Amino acid sequence: MNMDDLISKDSIKLNVKTLSKKRLLQDISNLAQEFLSVAGSELYSSLQNREILGPTGIGNGVAIPHVKIRGINKLTGFFLILEKAIDFESADNQPVDLVFVLLAPENNNGSDHLKALAMISRCFKDKNTRSKLRLTKNIESVYAILTEKEDSKAA
């Protein structure tokens, strides 16, 4: 599995204006509804419930909201760079400006979902990757950074 299995250029949004985590989760739900023909209200409820279980802010200004959702048949991701960082209740208490949303089919056995989460986490643990993403101003460049093969990152 590679990052380009999860996202496309169309699923990347830059300079997203939002004032709160709640509003961001609503915006993500609306975006997914457009792309995947899923019920936005159901997705929003699932994302909210996931955040209640434990915030998905992983630190260093990154959050990875993730849920299983009815009505999709493959793992799907969305990546957003926020115009202004917001509180995401991250463990390091740092506000979040990089958000990768992972949606998995409800009937997914979990292993693909976990592999995808691990891959996304590895990507965002890299300080250089986070810096490049924050400095990038166009979707094509963001897509290239995210889909860069892990082999070349290690080189």
Foldseek 3Di string as FASTA:
>chain_A
DFVVQAEDLLQEEEAAEDAEPLVVLLVVLVSCCVVQVAHSVQSSVQQVVQVVVPFQAADPQEGEREDEDARDDAKYKHWYFHNDFYQRVHPVRDGHGIYIYIYGHPPDPCPVVVVVVVLVVVLVVDPVLVVQCVPDDGSVSNVCSRRPDPVVVVD
